[in-house]
Structures are given as C-alpha cells and as structure tokens.
N, C-alpha and C. Protein backbone atom coordinates (compact mmCIF):
# COMPACT_ATOMS: atom_id res chain seq x y z
N UNK A 1 90.88 65.98 310.13
CA UNK A 1 91.42 66.64 309.02
C UNK A 1 92.87 66.23 308.81
N UNK A 2 93.30 65.91 307.63
CA UNK A 2 94.76 65.44 307.29
C UNK A 2 95.47 66.77 306.98
N UNK A 3 96.70 66.73 307.64
CA UNK A 3 97.68 67.84 307.34
C UNK A 3 98.36 67.52 306.10
N UNK A 4 98.18 68.26 304.96
CA UNK A 4 98.75 68.05 303.74
C UNK A 4 100.02 68.91 303.50
N UNK A 5 100.37 69.67 304.58
CA UNK A 5 101.65 70.56 304.35
C UNK A 5 102.84 69.59 304.32
N UNK A 6 103.73 69.95 303.37
CA UNK A 6 105.00 69.30 303.30
C UNK A 6 106.08 69.94 304.07
N UNK A 7 106.83 69.22 304.71
CA UNK A 7 108.03 69.77 305.46
C UNK A 7 109.13 70.09 304.35
N UNK A 8 109.86 71.09 304.82
CA UNK A 8 110.99 71.53 303.90
C UNK A 8 111.98 70.33 303.69
N UNK A 9 112.47 70.14 302.45
CA UNK A 9 113.37 69.09 302.23
C UNK A 9 114.74 69.48 302.94
N UNK A 10 115.48 68.21 303.29
CA UNK A 10 116.80 68.40 303.80
C UNK A 10 117.74 68.52 302.57
N UNK A 11 118.61 69.49 302.52
CA UNK A 11 119.47 69.67 301.36
C UNK A 11 120.92 69.36 301.81
N UNK A 12 121.73 68.66 300.89
CA UNK A 12 123.04 68.37 301.13
C UNK A 12 123.77 68.58 299.77
N UNK A 13 125.04 68.68 299.88
CA UNK A 13 125.91 68.91 298.64
C UNK A 13 125.82 67.49 297.92
N UNK A 14 125.76 67.62 296.54
CA UNK A 14 125.88 66.50 295.65
C UNK A 14 127.30 65.91 295.59
N UNK A 15 127.48 64.63 295.76
CA UNK A 15 128.69 63.94 295.82
C UNK A 15 128.88 62.94 294.70
N UNK A 16 130.10 62.37 294.63
CA UNK A 16 130.43 61.47 293.53
C UNK A 16 129.38 60.38 293.53
N UNK A 17 129.05 59.77 294.77
CA UNK A 17 128.06 58.69 294.70
C UNK A 17 126.70 59.09 294.27
N UNK A 18 126.30 60.31 294.11
CA UNK A 18 125.07 60.77 293.62
C UNK A 18 125.06 60.68 292.01
N UNK A 19 125.99 60.36 291.38
CA UNK A 19 126.07 60.36 289.76
C UNK A 19 124.84 59.59 289.35
N UNK A 20 124.60 58.33 289.92
CA UNK A 20 123.42 57.74 289.20
C UNK A 20 122.05 58.53 289.45
N UNK A 21 121.92 59.16 290.49
CA UNK A 21 120.74 59.86 290.87
C UNK A 21 120.50 61.12 289.96
N UNK A 22 121.76 61.76 289.75
CA UNK A 22 121.90 62.89 288.82
C UNK A 22 121.54 62.43 287.37
N UNK A 23 121.89 61.28 286.99
CA UNK A 23 121.49 60.82 285.71
C UNK A 23 120.01 60.67 285.60
N UNK A 24 119.32 60.12 286.65
CA UNK A 24 117.87 59.96 286.61
C UNK A 24 117.28 61.34 286.64
N UNK A 25 117.82 62.32 287.35
CA UNK A 25 117.23 63.68 287.35
C UNK A 25 117.46 64.35 285.99
N UNK A 26 118.51 64.06 285.32
CA UNK A 26 118.71 64.55 283.94
C UNK A 26 117.61 64.04 283.13
N UNK A 27 117.37 62.79 283.16
CA UNK A 27 116.21 62.21 282.42
C UNK A 27 114.85 62.94 282.74
N UNK A 28 114.68 63.21 283.95
CA UNK A 28 113.43 63.85 284.27
C UNK A 28 113.47 65.36 283.66
N UNK A 29 114.57 65.97 283.62
CA UNK A 29 114.66 67.24 282.98
C UNK A 29 114.40 67.18 281.58
N UNK A 30 114.85 66.20 280.96
CA UNK A 30 114.67 66.18 279.41
C UNK A 30 113.27 65.64 279.16
N UNK A 31 112.62 64.79 280.02
CA UNK A 31 111.24 64.33 279.86
C UNK A 31 110.26 65.13 280.61
N UNK A 32 110.44 66.49 280.73
CA UNK A 32 109.63 67.24 281.53
C UNK A 32 108.20 67.29 281.23
N UNK A 33 107.95 67.06 279.92
CA UNK A 33 106.50 67.20 279.49
C UNK A 33 105.89 65.80 279.13
N UNK A 34 106.69 64.90 278.70
CA UNK A 34 106.26 63.57 278.25
C UNK A 34 107.52 62.67 278.03
N UNK A 35 107.34 61.41 278.08
CA UNK A 35 108.49 60.51 277.77
C UNK A 35 109.08 60.64 276.40
N UNK A 36 110.27 61.20 276.37
CA UNK A 36 110.90 61.34 275.06
C UNK A 36 112.04 60.46 274.94
N UNK A 37 112.74 60.09 276.04
CA UNK A 37 113.94 59.30 276.10
C UNK A 37 113.92 58.34 277.17
N UNK A 38 114.62 57.24 276.94
CA UNK A 38 114.96 56.31 278.06
C UNK A 38 116.29 56.78 278.48
N UNK A 39 116.72 56.36 279.81
CA UNK A 39 117.94 56.85 280.26
C UNK A 39 119.15 56.37 279.49
N UNK A 40 119.02 55.08 278.90
CA UNK A 40 120.18 54.59 278.05
C UNK A 40 120.18 55.47 276.78
N UNK A 41 119.08 55.73 276.17
CA UNK A 41 119.10 56.59 274.99
C UNK A 41 119.61 57.99 275.13
N UNK A 42 119.30 58.64 276.30
CA UNK A 42 119.65 60.01 276.65
C UNK A 42 121.20 59.99 276.85
N UNK A 43 121.67 58.97 277.65
CA UNK A 43 123.16 58.98 278.03
C UNK A 43 124.02 58.65 276.71
N UNK A 44 123.32 58.14 275.69
CA UNK A 44 124.11 57.80 274.44
C UNK A 44 124.21 58.97 273.65
N UNK A 45 123.57 60.09 274.00
CA UNK A 45 123.69 61.40 273.20
C UNK A 45 124.73 62.26 273.88
N UNK A 46 125.86 62.43 273.32
CA UNK A 46 126.96 63.24 273.87
C UNK A 46 126.53 64.60 274.35
N UNK A 47 125.61 65.36 273.69
CA UNK A 47 125.18 66.76 274.06
C UNK A 47 124.30 66.54 275.29
N UNK A 48 123.81 65.44 275.74
CA UNK A 48 123.04 65.20 276.94
C UNK A 48 123.94 64.68 278.04
N UNK A 49 124.64 63.71 277.66
CA UNK A 49 125.57 62.94 278.57
C UNK A 49 126.59 63.93 279.32
N UNK A 50 127.02 64.93 278.58
CA UNK A 50 127.98 65.76 279.12
C UNK A 50 127.67 66.60 280.44
N UNK A 51 126.27 66.54 280.62
CA UNK A 51 125.79 67.19 281.90
C UNK A 51 126.23 66.40 283.21
N UNK A 52 126.34 65.12 282.98
CA UNK A 52 126.61 64.22 284.18
C UNK A 52 127.89 63.40 284.03
N UNK A 53 128.34 63.23 282.81
CA UNK A 53 129.56 62.33 282.67
C UNK A 53 130.71 62.83 283.55
N UNK A 54 131.38 61.88 284.28
CA UNK A 54 132.59 62.09 285.09
C UNK A 54 132.18 62.95 286.32
N UNK A 55 130.85 62.85 286.76
CA UNK A 55 130.52 63.71 287.99
C UNK A 55 131.29 63.26 289.22
N UNK A 56 131.80 64.15 289.92
CA UNK A 56 131.99 65.56 289.68
C UNK A 56 133.27 65.87 289.10
N UNK A 57 133.28 66.83 288.17
CA UNK A 57 134.46 67.33 287.60
C UNK A 57 134.99 68.56 288.37
N UNK A 58 136.15 68.98 288.24
CA UNK A 58 136.71 70.22 288.95
C UNK A 58 135.76 71.36 288.58
N UNK A 59 135.33 72.04 289.55
CA UNK A 59 134.45 73.26 289.35
C UNK A 59 132.86 72.89 289.32
N UNK A 60 132.54 71.63 289.27
CA UNK A 60 131.16 71.24 289.46
C UNK A 60 130.66 71.52 290.86
N UNK A 61 129.33 71.84 291.04
CA UNK A 61 128.84 71.89 292.34
C UNK A 61 127.34 71.66 292.24
N UNK A 62 126.70 71.13 293.25
CA UNK A 62 125.37 70.74 293.21
C UNK A 62 124.78 70.52 294.54
N UNK A 63 123.46 70.10 294.69
CA UNK A 63 122.70 70.00 295.87
C UNK A 63 121.68 68.87 295.63
N UNK A 64 121.47 68.06 296.50
CA UNK A 64 120.46 67.08 296.59
C UNK A 64 119.42 67.27 297.65
N UNK A 65 118.17 67.20 297.36
CA UNK A 65 117.07 67.36 298.35
C UNK A 65 116.54 66.01 298.74
N UNK A 66 116.50 65.79 300.08
CA UNK A 66 116.05 64.50 300.53
C UNK A 66 114.86 64.84 301.55
N UNK A 67 114.04 63.81 301.76
CA UNK A 67 112.93 63.88 302.87
C UNK A 67 113.55 63.47 304.17
N UNK A 68 112.78 63.44 305.23
CA UNK A 68 113.28 63.12 306.62
C UNK A 68 113.82 61.77 306.64
N UNK A 69 113.33 60.83 305.78
CA UNK A 69 113.76 59.38 305.72
C UNK A 69 115.03 59.22 304.89
N UNK A 70 115.53 60.30 304.20
CA UNK A 70 116.63 60.16 303.34
C UNK A 70 116.36 59.81 301.92
N UNK A 71 115.09 59.90 301.50
CA UNK A 71 114.67 59.56 300.06
C UNK A 71 114.91 60.69 299.33
N UNK A 72 115.62 60.54 298.18
CA UNK A 72 115.98 61.63 297.28
C UNK A 72 114.77 62.16 296.52
N UNK A 73 114.61 63.46 296.58
CA UNK A 73 113.39 64.17 296.08
C UNK A 73 113.78 64.90 294.75
N UNK A 74 115.03 65.39 294.62
CA UNK A 74 115.41 66.13 293.45
C UNK A 74 116.94 66.56 293.54
N UNK A 75 117.29 67.19 292.54
CA UNK A 75 118.66 67.61 292.46
C UNK A 75 118.89 68.82 291.57
N UNK A 76 119.89 69.66 291.93
CA UNK A 76 120.22 70.79 291.00
C UNK A 76 121.76 70.80 291.00
N UNK A 77 122.33 70.97 289.92
CA UNK A 77 123.80 71.02 289.79
C UNK A 77 124.25 71.92 288.64
N UNK A 78 125.45 72.41 288.74
CA UNK A 78 126.04 73.32 287.71
C UNK A 78 127.32 72.87 287.27
N UNK A 79 127.51 73.14 286.03
CA UNK A 79 128.83 72.72 285.26
C UNK A 79 129.10 73.66 284.33
N UNK A 80 130.42 73.99 284.21
CA UNK A 80 130.89 74.88 283.03
C UNK A 80 131.21 74.05 281.89
N UNK A 81 130.91 74.67 280.69
CA UNK A 81 131.17 73.97 279.40
C UNK A 81 132.10 74.87 278.57
N UNK A 82 132.93 74.23 277.81
CA UNK A 82 133.79 75.06 276.87
C UNK A 82 133.01 75.43 275.69
N UNK A 83 133.43 76.49 275.05
CA UNK A 83 132.67 76.89 273.77
C UNK A 83 132.71 75.74 272.70
N UNK A 84 133.56 75.03 272.65
CA UNK A 84 133.62 73.92 271.63
C UNK A 84 132.66 72.70 272.04
N UNK A 85 132.18 72.74 273.19
CA UNK A 85 131.29 71.66 273.69
C UNK A 85 130.23 72.34 274.57
N UNK A 86 129.36 73.16 274.03
CA UNK A 86 128.42 73.98 274.88
C UNK A 86 127.25 73.05 275.31
N UNK A 87 126.65 73.53 276.40
CA UNK A 87 125.30 72.99 276.79
C UNK A 87 124.27 73.75 276.16
N UNK A 88 123.04 73.32 276.36
CA UNK A 88 121.89 73.95 275.62
C UNK A 88 121.66 75.32 276.13
N UNK A 89 122.03 75.62 277.43
CA UNK A 89 121.90 76.92 277.95
C UNK A 89 123.15 77.70 278.07
N UNK A 90 124.06 77.38 277.15
CA UNK A 90 125.40 77.94 277.23
C UNK A 90 125.41 79.46 277.03
N UNK A 91 126.17 80.27 277.88
CA UNK A 91 126.36 81.67 277.76
C UNK A 91 127.84 81.92 277.47
N UNK A 92 128.66 81.63 278.39
CA UNK A 92 130.13 81.77 278.25
C UNK A 92 130.89 80.64 278.99
N UNK A 93 132.06 80.33 278.85
CA UNK A 93 132.72 79.26 279.50
C UNK A 93 132.81 79.54 281.06
N UNK A 94 132.72 80.82 281.45
CA UNK A 94 132.85 81.13 282.82
C UNK A 94 131.52 81.12 283.53
N UNK A 95 130.43 80.94 282.88
CA UNK A 95 129.05 80.90 283.56
C UNK A 95 128.62 79.49 283.58
N UNK A 96 128.51 78.86 284.73
CA UNK A 96 128.09 77.42 284.82
C UNK A 96 126.57 77.34 284.38
N UNK A 97 126.26 76.31 283.74
CA UNK A 97 124.83 76.07 283.29
C UNK A 97 124.27 75.05 284.36
N UNK A 98 123.05 75.28 284.87
CA UNK A 98 122.50 74.57 285.79
C UNK A 98 121.45 73.49 285.22
N UNK A 99 121.29 72.48 285.84
CA UNK A 99 120.30 71.56 285.57
C UNK A 99 119.54 71.22 286.93
N UNK A 100 118.23 71.11 286.75
CA UNK A 100 117.39 71.02 287.95
C UNK A 100 116.25 70.18 287.66
N UNK A 101 115.98 69.11 288.49
CA UNK A 101 114.76 68.24 288.30
C UNK A 101 114.39 67.85 289.75
N UNK A 102 113.02 67.55 289.81
CA UNK A 102 112.45 67.09 290.93
C UNK A 102 111.61 65.79 290.57
N UNK A 103 111.72 64.75 291.44
CA UNK A 103 111.01 63.46 291.11
C UNK A 103 109.52 63.76 291.01
N UNK A 104 108.93 62.94 290.04
CA UNK A 104 107.41 63.00 289.89
C UNK A 104 106.86 62.74 291.20
N UNK A 105 105.71 63.43 291.44
CA UNK A 105 104.97 63.30 292.74
C UNK A 105 105.49 64.22 293.77
N UNK A 106 106.56 64.88 293.61
CA UNK A 106 107.13 65.93 294.58
C UNK A 106 107.14 67.24 293.95
N UNK A 107 106.79 67.44 292.71
CA UNK A 107 106.77 68.66 292.10
C UNK A 107 105.73 69.58 292.62
N UNK A 108 105.83 70.94 292.75
CA UNK A 108 104.99 71.84 293.09
C UNK A 108 104.87 72.10 294.65
N UNK A 109 105.73 71.34 295.46
CA UNK A 109 105.77 71.52 296.86
C UNK A 109 106.95 72.29 297.39
N UNK A 110 107.73 73.10 296.60
CA UNK A 110 108.77 73.81 297.05
C UNK A 110 110.14 73.18 296.97
N UNK A 111 110.14 71.89 296.55
CA UNK A 111 111.50 71.31 296.54
C UNK A 111 112.39 71.98 295.39
N UNK A 112 111.87 72.29 294.25
CA UNK A 112 112.67 72.92 293.11
C UNK A 112 113.08 74.31 293.56
N UNK A 113 112.29 75.03 294.32
CA UNK A 113 112.73 76.36 294.76
C UNK A 113 113.87 76.23 295.79
N UNK A 114 113.62 75.32 296.69
CA UNK A 114 114.77 75.09 297.71
C UNK A 114 116.07 74.64 297.03
N UNK A 115 115.88 73.77 296.03
CA UNK A 115 117.13 73.47 295.28
C UNK A 115 117.78 74.63 294.56
N UNK A 116 117.03 75.30 293.83
CA UNK A 116 117.52 76.53 293.08
C UNK A 116 118.20 77.52 294.05
N UNK A 117 117.51 77.80 295.16
CA UNK A 117 118.02 78.81 296.09
C UNK A 117 119.38 78.40 296.65
N UNK A 118 119.42 77.05 296.96
CA UNK A 118 120.83 76.58 297.49
C UNK A 118 121.90 76.55 296.33
N UNK A 119 121.41 76.27 295.10
CA UNK A 119 122.40 76.24 294.12
C UNK A 119 122.90 77.70 293.75
N UNK A 120 122.06 78.68 293.83
CA UNK A 120 122.43 80.05 293.62
C UNK A 120 123.36 80.43 294.69
N UNK A 121 123.03 80.19 295.96
CA UNK A 121 123.94 80.57 297.04
C UNK A 121 125.33 79.81 296.89
N UNK A 122 125.37 78.56 296.53
CA UNK A 122 126.63 77.95 296.24
C UNK A 122 127.47 78.66 295.17
N UNK A 123 126.62 79.08 294.06
CA UNK A 123 127.43 79.80 293.10
C UNK A 123 128.02 81.13 293.49
N UNK A 124 127.21 81.86 294.32
CA UNK A 124 127.73 83.04 294.97
C UNK A 124 128.91 82.86 295.76
N UNK A 125 128.88 81.84 296.60
CA UNK A 125 129.92 81.54 297.46
C UNK A 125 131.24 81.08 296.71
N UNK A 126 131.07 80.57 295.60
CA UNK A 126 132.25 80.08 294.77
C UNK A 126 132.70 81.27 293.92
N UNK A 127 131.98 82.39 293.86
CA UNK A 127 132.46 83.52 293.13
C UNK A 127 132.01 83.48 291.62
N UNK A 128 130.98 82.73 291.34
CA UNK A 128 130.55 82.70 289.88
C UNK A 128 129.80 83.99 289.56
N UNK A 129 130.06 84.44 288.36
CA UNK A 129 129.32 85.74 288.08
C UNK A 129 127.77 85.49 287.70
N UNK A 130 127.47 84.23 287.49
CA UNK A 130 126.11 83.94 287.10
C UNK A 130 125.79 82.49 286.88
N UNK A 131 124.62 82.18 286.67
CA UNK A 131 124.17 80.85 286.31
C UNK A 131 123.26 80.93 285.10
N UNK A 132 123.40 79.88 284.08
CA UNK A 132 122.55 79.96 282.96
C UNK A 132 121.81 78.59 283.00
N UNK A 133 120.77 78.58 282.11
CA UNK A 133 119.93 77.47 281.88
C UNK A 133 119.22 77.60 280.52
N UNK A 134 118.60 76.48 280.13
CA UNK A 134 117.75 76.51 278.91
C UNK A 134 116.45 75.96 279.36
N UNK A 135 115.40 76.56 278.94
CA UNK A 135 113.99 76.09 279.31
C UNK A 135 113.18 76.22 278.13
N UNK A 136 112.48 75.06 277.79
CA UNK A 136 111.57 75.07 276.65
C UNK A 136 110.27 75.79 276.95
N UNK A 137 109.65 76.30 275.77
CA UNK A 137 108.25 76.72 275.93
C UNK A 137 107.37 75.80 276.55
N UNK A 138 106.55 76.14 277.46
CA UNK A 138 105.59 75.43 278.14
C UNK A 138 105.89 74.85 279.42
N UNK A 139 107.27 74.82 279.68
CA UNK A 139 107.73 74.18 280.95
C UNK A 139 107.43 75.16 282.17
N UNK A 140 106.71 74.51 283.00
CA UNK A 140 106.26 75.34 284.20
C UNK A 140 107.46 75.82 285.07
N UNK A 141 108.49 75.27 284.99
CA UNK A 141 109.65 75.72 285.77
C UNK A 141 110.11 77.11 285.42
N UNK A 142 109.78 77.54 284.24
CA UNK A 142 110.06 78.84 283.73
C UNK A 142 109.70 79.95 284.85
N UNK A 143 108.40 79.70 285.34
CA UNK A 143 108.02 80.70 286.30
C UNK A 143 108.87 80.81 287.61
N UNK A 144 109.30 79.57 288.09
CA UNK A 144 110.30 79.56 289.15
C UNK A 144 111.51 80.30 288.88
N UNK A 145 112.06 80.02 287.58
CA UNK A 145 113.32 80.80 287.26
C UNK A 145 113.08 82.27 287.11
N UNK A 146 112.00 82.62 286.64
CA UNK A 146 111.68 84.11 286.54
C UNK A 146 111.54 84.79 287.93
N UNK A 147 110.89 83.96 288.79
CA UNK A 147 110.71 84.57 290.29
C UNK A 147 112.03 84.71 290.86
N UNK A 148 113.04 83.83 290.57
CA UNK A 148 114.32 83.94 291.17
C UNK A 148 115.24 84.96 290.44
N UNK A 149 114.75 85.65 289.40
CA UNK A 149 115.61 86.55 288.77
C UNK A 149 116.21 86.28 287.43
N UNK A 150 115.98 84.99 287.02
CA UNK A 150 116.57 84.66 285.59
C UNK A 150 115.85 85.51 284.54
N UNK A 151 116.53 85.94 283.60
CA UNK A 151 116.09 86.59 282.47
C UNK A 151 116.45 85.94 281.18
N UNK A 152 115.65 86.07 280.09
CA UNK A 152 116.07 85.48 278.83
C UNK A 152 117.15 86.41 278.23
N UNK A 153 118.14 85.63 277.66
CA UNK A 153 119.26 86.32 277.01
C UNK A 153 119.60 85.81 275.58
N UNK A 154 118.73 84.76 275.17
CA UNK A 154 118.85 84.11 273.89
C UNK A 154 117.71 83.18 273.65
N UNK A 155 117.55 82.83 272.43
CA UNK A 155 116.55 81.75 272.06
C UNK A 155 117.04 80.95 270.95
N UNK A 156 116.80 79.69 271.14
CA UNK A 156 117.15 78.66 270.00
C UNK A 156 115.95 77.71 269.93
N UNK A 157 115.37 77.70 268.73
CA UNK A 157 114.29 76.83 268.52
C UNK A 157 113.15 77.21 269.45
N UNK A 158 112.66 76.17 270.25
CA UNK A 158 111.48 76.41 271.14
C UNK A 158 111.95 76.61 272.64
N UNK A 159 113.20 77.12 272.73
CA UNK A 159 113.74 77.24 274.21
C UNK A 159 114.38 78.58 274.26
N UNK A 160 114.34 79.07 275.50
CA UNK A 160 115.12 80.35 275.92
C UNK A 160 116.31 79.88 276.72
N UNK A 161 117.35 80.64 276.50
CA UNK A 161 118.52 80.61 277.35
C UNK A 161 118.28 81.70 278.42
N UNK A 162 118.42 81.37 279.63
CA UNK A 162 118.15 82.28 280.72
C UNK A 162 119.37 82.59 281.61
N UNK A 163 119.54 83.68 282.16
CA UNK A 163 120.74 84.01 282.87
C UNK A 163 120.37 84.72 284.11
N UNK A 164 120.95 84.27 285.21
CA UNK A 164 120.85 84.98 286.54
C UNK A 164 122.29 85.46 286.81
N UNK A 165 122.45 86.76 287.09
CA UNK A 165 123.61 87.32 287.49
C UNK A 165 123.60 87.21 289.02
N UNK A 166 124.72 86.67 289.55
CA UNK A 166 124.75 86.40 291.01
C UNK A 166 125.39 87.64 291.68
N UNK A 167 125.23 87.66 293.08
CA UNK A 167 125.75 88.58 293.91
C UNK A 167 127.02 87.91 294.45
N UNK A 168 128.24 88.13 293.93
CA UNK A 168 129.33 87.42 294.31
C UNK A 168 129.85 88.03 295.59
N UNK A 169 130.39 87.18 296.54
CA UNK A 169 130.91 87.71 297.87
C UNK A 169 132.01 88.75 297.60
N UNK A 170 132.23 89.56 298.50
CA UNK A 170 133.36 90.60 298.44
C UNK A 170 134.68 89.94 298.28
N UNK A 171 134.83 88.84 298.82
CA UNK A 171 136.14 88.13 298.83
C UNK A 171 136.52 87.58 297.44
N UNK A 172 135.55 87.46 296.51
CA UNK A 172 135.78 86.81 295.23
C UNK A 172 136.21 87.97 294.31
N UNK A 173 136.66 87.59 293.10
CA UNK A 173 137.16 88.49 292.09
C UNK A 173 135.72 89.08 291.56
N UNK A 174 135.88 90.32 291.01
CA UNK A 174 134.73 90.93 290.33
C UNK A 174 134.32 90.18 289.13
N UNK A 175 133.03 90.05 288.91
CA UNK A 175 132.45 89.25 287.90
C UNK A 175 132.82 89.88 286.41
N UNK A 176 133.15 88.93 285.53
CA UNK A 176 133.57 89.41 284.15
C UNK A 176 132.31 89.77 283.44
N UNK A 177 132.38 90.63 282.45
CA UNK A 177 131.24 90.97 281.70
C UNK A 177 130.69 89.81 280.91
N UNK A 178 129.44 89.58 280.84
CA UNK A 178 128.79 88.51 280.12
C UNK A 178 128.46 88.93 278.69
N UNK A 179 129.11 88.34 277.62
CA UNK A 179 128.74 88.67 276.35
C UNK A 179 127.38 87.97 275.95
N UNK A 180 126.90 88.36 274.84
CA UNK A 180 125.67 87.68 274.27
C UNK A 180 125.89 86.20 274.15
N UNK A 181 124.80 85.62 274.39
CA UNK A 181 124.90 83.99 274.17
C UNK A 181 125.10 83.57 272.75
N UNK A 182 125.55 82.52 272.60
CA UNK A 182 125.69 81.96 271.25
C UNK A 182 124.33 81.29 270.79
N UNK A 183 124.17 80.98 269.59
CA UNK A 183 123.01 80.35 269.12
C UNK A 183 123.50 78.89 268.81
N UNK A 184 122.68 77.88 269.06
CA UNK A 184 123.08 76.52 268.74
C UNK A 184 121.94 75.58 268.84
N UNK A 185 122.21 74.46 269.38
CA UNK A 185 121.22 73.38 269.38
C UNK A 185 120.00 73.73 270.25
N UNK A 186 118.84 73.14 270.01
CA UNK A 186 117.60 73.47 270.76
C UNK A 186 117.89 73.18 272.20
N UNK A 187 117.28 73.99 273.07
CA UNK A 187 117.44 73.84 274.54
C UNK A 187 116.54 72.94 275.20
N UNK A 188 116.83 72.37 276.29
CA UNK A 188 116.16 71.52 277.13
C UNK A 188 116.36 71.93 278.55
N UNK A 189 115.37 71.94 279.33
CA UNK A 189 115.53 72.08 280.73
C UNK A 189 114.88 70.91 281.56
C-alpha cells in the first residue's frame, strides 16, 4: 500500500530573491480557473503588477512554502495600497491585501491553509488590524478563506472583497475602525 499522505510544507519568510517566484504565483492567482494571461501580459497591467513590483517594499510581508527538498510549493504575501492605487481587494490603506497561490499539482493538500495561517500570524505580529482579499465567484479558495474567518465586505463584478479582522498582540496599537470598502475594478484572487 502506498502512503499518499503529504508532509507539512516547510514555511519561511518571503525575501527579495523570491520576487520571480511571487510573480509566478501572481500568475497562478489570476489564472485560477483557466489560462487568461501570460506572465508578460499580466505584469504589463499596472493594476496587477503592483502586487509584486519592487518586492519587498516597506511594510510588505509574506511566506513561501517549500517541500523537504526545497522545491517551492506556494506563496502568500500582503501589501498595503494607497486609495489612489487600490488593489482588487482594497478596504483601506491600513489593511494589507493578501495574495495567495499554490503551484498546480500541490493544491488541496494543505499548502494553502498553512500559508494563510502563517500570513495571518505575521499580520497579527506586525499589528495589522486585518487582512483583505478579492475572490471571484467559483474559486474554491473561497472555502478556505471562509473557514479562516474572512467575511464578505463588498462586491465588485463577479468578485467579493473579503476581510479578516486580526487579533493584534497587546504590544501593538489598537486597531483602527475599518470603514466600508470602496467599489472599483473587478476582483481577482
């Protein structure tokens, strides 16, 4: 009998040298249901490229999952956006928007959940009041987000903006009130 259980991925902070992998994971996130973009076409779109351009900027944080051999399995990262250049899951400038993707062939084995849990912990440790995201209708990742406590706070086109309020550590400042999300371009996750 073959043991089909997967071992838990090894998680590590996302670093500057991970920028090309984050670009590939951004492509996976945008192409979650079918090939819609090439990497070059996606990165030519300012509203998509701003998720990874200049990685890491001040305030960015993320995590990369690897297998025991060091093969990258997926990544999750968070970035704050200003009101004049919002992400698809924008809520406020103080709430970072997360992007999460797992390489094809590794989905459904717990990698996404491990990445999301680690990113939420990092957000709490840095004192973030929450994390936001955009998820399109039909994306199976929605179930993961809902199980982790994300709730819809807005809708644009065929996508929901979802928000998770974090439990900030006592040493951090109290979280600011989160106003309603803006409406804008259709969301992608």
